[in-house]
Amino acid sequence: MITIKNCKQYLSQNYFTNIQFTHQKEDNLYFTAYDTEEEQNAQLEFELEEGTLYINVKYESDEDWLILERLSLEDWRLSQ
């Protein structure tokens, strides 16, 4: 299951700090965080679509979402 807690855990293990949950829209969870690899603030989206979890990122609010990672729900469960 996708939860705020396991999304934050995933982000903290993948170069993100200062992670803040911002909102939920349908099944999608949204966060802001600091990307230590890119050295800038980021917006992140955990998007659930037909059994696949897309972890998307953008650095400017007017940018399109970029796919950071795509996982099956089974792979997501195993990674937790």
Protein backbone atom coordinates (compact mmCIF):
# COMPACT_ATOMS: atom_id res chain seq x y z
CA MET A 1 0.00 0.00 0.00
CA ILE A 2 1.15 3.51 -0.72
CA THR A 3 1.25 5.58 2.45
CA ILE A 4 2.72 8.93 3.40
CA LYS A 5 5.14 7.12 5.70
CA ASN A 6 6.54 4.74 3.10
CA CYS A 7 6.74 7.49 0.47
CA LYS A 8 8.77 9.63 2.87
CA GLN A 9 10.98 6.63 3.62
CA TYR A 10 11.57 6.04 -0.09
CA LEU A 11 12.45 9.70 -0.67
CA SER A 12 14.82 9.87 2.29
CA GLN A 13 16.70 6.86 0.90
CA ASN A 14 16.97 8.49 -2.54
CA TYR A 15 18.74 11.84 -2.14
CA PHE A 16 15.85 13.86 -0.70
CA THR A 17 15.71 15.78 2.59
CA ASN A 18 13.24 18.21 4.21
CA ILE A 19 10.37 16.05 2.96
CA GLN A 20 6.90 17.50 3.48
CA PHE A 21 3.59 15.94 2.50
CA THR A 22 1.47 18.59 0.76
CA HIS A 23 -1.76 16.91 -0.36
CA GLN A 24 -3.56 13.93 -1.79
CA LYS A 25 -5.61 13.96 -4.99
CA GLU A 26 -7.51 10.74 -5.64
CA ASP A 27 -4.90 7.96 -5.18
CA ASN A 28 -1.92 10.26 -5.79
CA LEU A 29 0.27 11.66 -3.00
CA TYR A 30 2.24 14.91 -3.35
CA PHE A 31 5.34 16.10 -1.51
CA THR A 32 7.93 18.83 -1.53
CA ALA A 33 11.54 18.04 -0.71
CA TYR A 34 15.11 19.16 -1.24
CA ASP A 35 16.97 17.11 -3.86
CA THR A 36 20.54 16.82 -2.56
CA GLU A 37 21.80 15.45 -5.88
CA GLU A 38 20.37 18.31 -7.97
CA GLU A 39 20.84 20.81 -5.10
CA GLN A 40 17.40 22.35 -5.47
CA ASN A 41 13.85 22.09 -4.19
CA ALA A 42 11.56 19.61 -5.89
CA GLN A 43 7.90 18.70 -6.09
CA LEU A 44 7.19 14.98 -6.09
CA GLU A 45 4.17 12.96 -7.09
CA PHE A 46 3.46 9.32 -6.29
CA GLU A 47 0.99 8.43 -9.02
CA LEU A 48 -0.85 5.13 -8.99
CA GLU A 49 -2.09 4.03 -12.40
CA GLU A 50 -3.38 0.56 -13.28
CA GLY A 51 -1.12 -1.39 -10.90
CA THR A 52 1.96 0.72 -11.57
CA LEU A 53 3.46 3.35 -9.29
CA TYR A 54 5.06 6.31 -11.01
CA ILE A 55 7.33 8.50 -8.90
CA ASN A 56 7.45 11.83 -10.70
CA VAL A 57 9.48 14.96 -10.05
CA LYS A 58 9.55 18.55 -11.19
CA TYR A 59 11.71 21.46 -10.09
CA GLU A 60 9.65 24.39 -11.35
CA SER A 61 5.88 24.62 -10.97
CA ASP A 62 5.39 25.33 -14.69
CA GLU A 63 7.41 22.26 -15.78
CA ASP A 64 5.93 18.95 -16.84
CA TRP A 65 6.34 15.99 -14.51
CA LEU A 66 9.41 13.84 -15.22
CA ILE A 67 9.32 10.14 -14.35
CA LEU A 68 11.92 9.50 -11.67
CA GLU A 69 11.02 5.83 -11.27
CA ARG A 70 8.34 3.38 -12.36
CA LEU A 71 7.59 0.34 -10.19
CA SER A 72 4.99 -2.38 -10.19
CA LEU A 73 3.02 -2.46 -6.95
CA GLU A 74 4.69 -5.80 -6.17
CA ASP A 75 8.16 -4.25 -6.56
CA TRP A 76 7.02 -1.34 -4.37
CA ARG A 77 5.87 -3.74 -1.65
CA LEU A 78 9.15 -5.67 -1.82
CA SER A 79 11.17 -2.46 -1.52
CA GLN A 80 9.47 -1.51 1.73
